[in-house]
């Protein structure tokens, strides 16, 4: 048995349980997915993202997160 949860749509709070189905709604796993530093399928994910134009370099204008405000960047 694994820890599962349901999210209340009105409040956004999670209700944790051990049941697979709670009140007629299928619960979600409360555990993160496994992570492996040896990613065997990264090449395939990148290929698919290139094919369908989902790479950040194919997205047009990029959102740049800057630590300085635009007022500090102007030179007068």
N, C-alpha and C. Protein backbone atom coordinates (compact mmCIF):
# COMPACT_ATOMS: atom_id res chain seq x y z
N UNK A 1 0.84 -1.18 0.00
CA UNK A 1 0.00 0.00 0.00
C UNK A 1 0.88 1.24 0.00
N UNK A 2 0.54 2.17 -0.86
CA UNK A 2 1.28 3.41 -0.97
C UNK A 2 0.39 4.58 -0.57
N UNK A 3 1.01 5.64 -0.15
CA UNK A 3 0.28 6.84 0.22
C UNK A 3 -0.27 7.51 -1.04
N UNK A 4 -1.56 7.79 -1.04
CA UNK A 4 -2.23 8.39 -2.17
C UNK A 4 -2.91 9.68 -1.70
N UNK A 5 -3.36 10.53 -2.65
CA UNK A 5 -4.06 11.75 -2.27
C UNK A 5 -5.11 12.13 -3.30
N UNK A 6 -6.09 12.89 -2.83
CA UNK A 6 -7.07 13.56 -3.67
C UNK A 6 -6.97 15.04 -3.38
N UNK A 7 -7.19 15.86 -4.39
CA UNK A 7 -7.14 17.30 -4.19
C UNK A 7 -8.56 17.85 -4.24
N UNK A 8 -8.94 18.61 -3.23
CA UNK A 8 -10.27 19.22 -3.17
C UNK A 8 -10.30 20.38 -4.16
N UNK A 9 -11.19 20.35 -5.18
CA UNK A 9 -11.18 21.40 -6.19
C UNK A 9 -11.56 22.78 -5.66
N UNK A 10 -12.35 22.85 -4.61
CA UNK A 10 -12.78 24.16 -4.12
C UNK A 10 -11.71 24.84 -3.27
N UNK A 11 -10.98 24.07 -2.46
CA UNK A 11 -9.97 24.68 -1.59
C UNK A 11 -8.55 24.43 -2.06
N UNK A 12 -8.34 23.39 -2.87
CA UNK A 12 -7.00 23.07 -3.34
C UNK A 12 -6.19 22.28 -2.33
N UNK A 13 -6.80 21.90 -1.21
CA UNK A 13 -6.09 21.13 -0.19
C UNK A 13 -6.11 19.65 -0.54
N UNK A 14 -5.06 18.96 -0.15
CA UNK A 14 -4.95 17.52 -0.41
C UNK A 14 -5.46 16.71 0.77
N UNK A 15 -6.14 15.62 0.46
CA UNK A 15 -6.58 14.66 1.46
C UNK A 15 -5.82 13.37 1.20
N UNK A 16 -5.01 12.95 2.17
CA UNK A 16 -4.17 11.77 2.01
C UNK A 16 -4.89 10.53 2.49
N UNK A 17 -4.67 9.41 1.79
CA UNK A 17 -5.32 8.15 2.11
C UNK A 17 -4.45 7.00 1.62
N UNK A 18 -4.84 5.78 1.96
CA UNK A 18 -4.17 4.59 1.44
C UNK A 18 -5.02 3.90 0.38
N UNK A 19 -6.21 4.44 0.11
CA UNK A 19 -7.14 3.84 -0.84
C UNK A 19 -6.79 4.25 -2.27
N UNK A 20 -7.10 3.37 -3.22
CA UNK A 20 -6.88 3.67 -4.64
C UNK A 20 -8.01 4.53 -5.20
N UNK A 21 -9.23 4.35 -4.68
CA UNK A 21 -10.39 5.13 -5.09
C UNK A 21 -11.04 5.68 -3.83
N UNK A 22 -11.28 7.00 -3.81
CA UNK A 22 -11.87 7.62 -2.63
C UNK A 22 -13.06 8.47 -3.08
N UNK A 23 -14.23 8.16 -2.59
CA UNK A 23 -15.47 8.88 -2.95
C UNK A 23 -15.72 8.84 -4.45
N UNK A 24 -15.41 7.74 -5.10
CA UNK A 24 -15.65 7.59 -6.53
C UNK A 24 -14.64 8.27 -7.42
N UNK A 25 -13.58 8.84 -6.84
CA UNK A 25 -12.55 9.53 -7.62
C UNK A 25 -11.24 8.77 -7.45
N UNK A 26 -10.55 8.51 -8.55
CA UNK A 26 -9.27 7.81 -8.50
C UNK A 26 -8.24 8.72 -7.86
N UNK A 27 -7.49 8.19 -6.89
CA UNK A 27 -6.49 8.98 -6.19
C UNK A 27 -5.17 8.98 -6.95
N UNK A 28 -4.32 9.95 -6.63
CA UNK A 28 -2.99 10.06 -7.26
C UNK A 28 -1.93 9.65 -6.26
N UNK A 29 -0.81 9.19 -6.76
CA UNK A 29 0.29 8.78 -5.89
C UNK A 29 0.93 10.01 -5.25
N UNK A 30 1.25 9.89 -3.96
CA UNK A 30 1.87 10.99 -3.23
C UNK A 30 3.39 10.90 -3.26
N UNK A 31 3.92 9.93 -3.99
CA UNK A 31 5.36 9.72 -4.06
C UNK A 31 5.90 10.25 -5.39
N UNK A 32 7.08 10.86 -5.41
CA UNK A 32 7.64 11.36 -6.66
C UNK A 32 8.08 10.21 -7.57
N UNK A 33 8.20 10.51 -8.84
CA UNK A 33 8.66 9.51 -9.79
C UNK A 33 10.13 9.19 -9.54
N UNK A 34 10.55 8.02 -9.97
CA UNK A 34 11.95 7.63 -9.80
C UNK A 34 12.84 8.49 -10.68
N UNK A 35 14.04 8.73 -10.21
CA UNK A 35 15.00 9.53 -10.96
C UNK A 35 16.26 8.71 -11.15
N UNK A 36 16.78 8.72 -12.35
CA UNK A 36 18.03 8.03 -12.63
C UNK A 36 18.96 9.00 -13.35
N UNK A 37 20.19 9.17 -12.86
CA UNK A 37 21.13 10.04 -13.57
C UNK A 37 21.51 9.47 -14.94
N UNK A 38 21.36 8.17 -15.12
CA UNK A 38 21.63 7.53 -16.40
C UNK A 38 20.32 7.51 -17.18
N UNK A 39 20.00 8.61 -17.86
CA UNK A 39 18.73 8.75 -18.56
C UNK A 39 18.87 8.11 -19.94
N UNK A 40 18.23 6.97 -20.12
CA UNK A 40 18.36 6.22 -21.37
C UNK A 40 17.53 6.81 -22.51
N UNK A 41 16.52 7.60 -22.18
CA UNK A 41 15.58 8.04 -23.20
C UNK A 41 15.64 9.54 -23.50
N UNK A 42 16.65 10.25 -23.02
CA UNK A 42 16.72 11.70 -23.24
C UNK A 42 16.87 12.03 -24.73
N UNK A 43 17.60 11.22 -25.46
CA UNK A 43 17.78 11.46 -26.90
C UNK A 43 16.44 11.42 -27.62
N UNK A 44 15.58 10.48 -27.24
CA UNK A 44 14.28 10.36 -27.88
C UNK A 44 13.37 11.53 -27.53
N UNK A 45 13.42 12.00 -26.29
CA UNK A 45 12.62 13.16 -25.89
C UNK A 45 13.04 14.41 -26.65
N UNK A 46 14.34 14.61 -26.80
CA UNK A 46 14.84 15.78 -27.53
C UNK A 46 14.45 15.70 -29.00
N UNK A 47 14.53 14.51 -29.58
CA UNK A 47 14.14 14.33 -30.98
C UNK A 47 12.66 14.67 -31.19
N UNK A 48 11.81 14.20 -30.28
CA UNK A 48 10.38 14.51 -30.39
C UNK A 48 10.10 15.99 -30.20
N UNK A 49 10.80 16.62 -29.26
CA UNK A 49 10.60 18.05 -29.04
C UNK A 49 11.05 18.85 -30.25
N UNK A 50 12.14 18.44 -30.91
CA UNK A 50 12.59 19.12 -32.13
C UNK A 50 11.54 18.95 -33.23
N UNK A 51 11.01 17.75 -33.37
CA UNK A 51 10.05 17.45 -34.42
C UNK A 51 8.79 18.30 -34.29
N UNK A 52 8.32 18.50 -33.08
CA UNK A 52 7.07 19.22 -32.87
C UNK A 52 7.27 20.67 -32.44
N UNK A 53 8.50 21.17 -32.49
CA UNK A 53 8.77 22.57 -32.21
C UNK A 53 8.58 22.97 -30.77
N UNK A 54 8.92 22.10 -29.84
CA UNK A 54 8.71 22.37 -28.42
C UNK A 54 9.97 22.75 -27.68
N UNK A 55 11.11 22.79 -28.36
CA UNK A 55 12.34 23.20 -27.70
C UNK A 55 12.29 24.70 -27.41
N UNK A 56 12.95 25.13 -26.35
CA UNK A 56 12.94 26.55 -26.00
C UNK A 56 13.56 27.40 -27.09
N UNK A 57 14.51 26.84 -27.85
CA UNK A 57 15.14 27.60 -28.93
C UNK A 57 14.21 27.78 -30.12
N UNK A 58 13.12 27.03 -30.17
CA UNK A 58 12.17 27.12 -31.27
C UNK A 58 10.92 27.92 -30.88
N UNK A 59 10.91 28.57 -29.73
CA UNK A 59 9.71 29.19 -29.18
C UNK A 59 9.59 30.67 -29.49
N UNK A 60 10.34 31.24 -30.37
CA UNK A 60 10.22 32.67 -30.65
C UNK A 60 10.91 33.48 -29.56
N UNK A 61 10.19 34.48 -29.02
CA UNK A 61 10.79 35.31 -27.97
C UNK A 61 10.87 34.52 -26.68
N UNK A 62 12.02 34.64 -26.03
CA UNK A 62 12.25 33.93 -24.78
C UNK A 62 11.97 34.85 -23.61
N UNK A 63 11.51 34.27 -22.53
CA UNK A 63 11.36 35.03 -21.29
C UNK A 63 12.68 34.91 -20.54
N UNK A 64 13.33 36.05 -20.33
CA UNK A 64 14.62 36.05 -19.65
C UNK A 64 14.40 36.49 -18.23
N UNK A 65 14.86 35.68 -17.30
CA UNK A 65 14.76 36.04 -15.90
C UNK A 65 16.01 36.81 -15.52
N UNK A 66 15.84 38.08 -15.22
CA UNK A 66 16.98 38.93 -14.88
C UNK A 66 16.92 39.28 -13.41
N UNK A 67 18.09 39.47 -12.82
CA UNK A 67 18.14 39.84 -11.41
C UNK A 67 18.11 41.35 -11.24
N UNK A 68 18.28 42.09 -12.34
CA UNK A 68 18.27 43.55 -12.25
C UNK A 68 16.99 44.09 -12.85
N UNK A 69 16.59 45.25 -12.44
CA UNK A 69 15.40 45.88 -12.98
C UNK A 69 15.75 46.62 -14.26
N UNK A 70 14.78 46.84 -15.17
CA UNK A 70 15.08 47.54 -16.42
C UNK A 70 15.59 48.96 -16.22
N UNK A 71 15.22 49.61 -15.12
CA UNK A 71 15.69 50.97 -14.87
C UNK A 71 17.20 51.01 -14.68
N UNK A 72 17.76 49.94 -14.12
CA UNK A 72 19.19 49.90 -13.89
C UNK A 72 19.97 49.63 -15.17
N UNK A 73 19.30 49.11 -16.19
CA UNK A 73 19.99 48.76 -17.43
C UNK A 73 20.11 49.94 -18.39
N UNK A 74 19.34 51.00 -18.19
CA UNK A 74 19.39 52.15 -19.10
C UNK A 74 20.63 52.99 -18.81
N UNK A 75 21.24 53.46 -19.88
CA UNK A 75 22.41 54.33 -19.74
C UNK A 75 22.04 55.70 -20.28
N UNK A 76 22.34 56.72 -19.53
CA UNK A 76 22.00 58.09 -19.95
C UNK A 76 23.22 58.94 -20.07
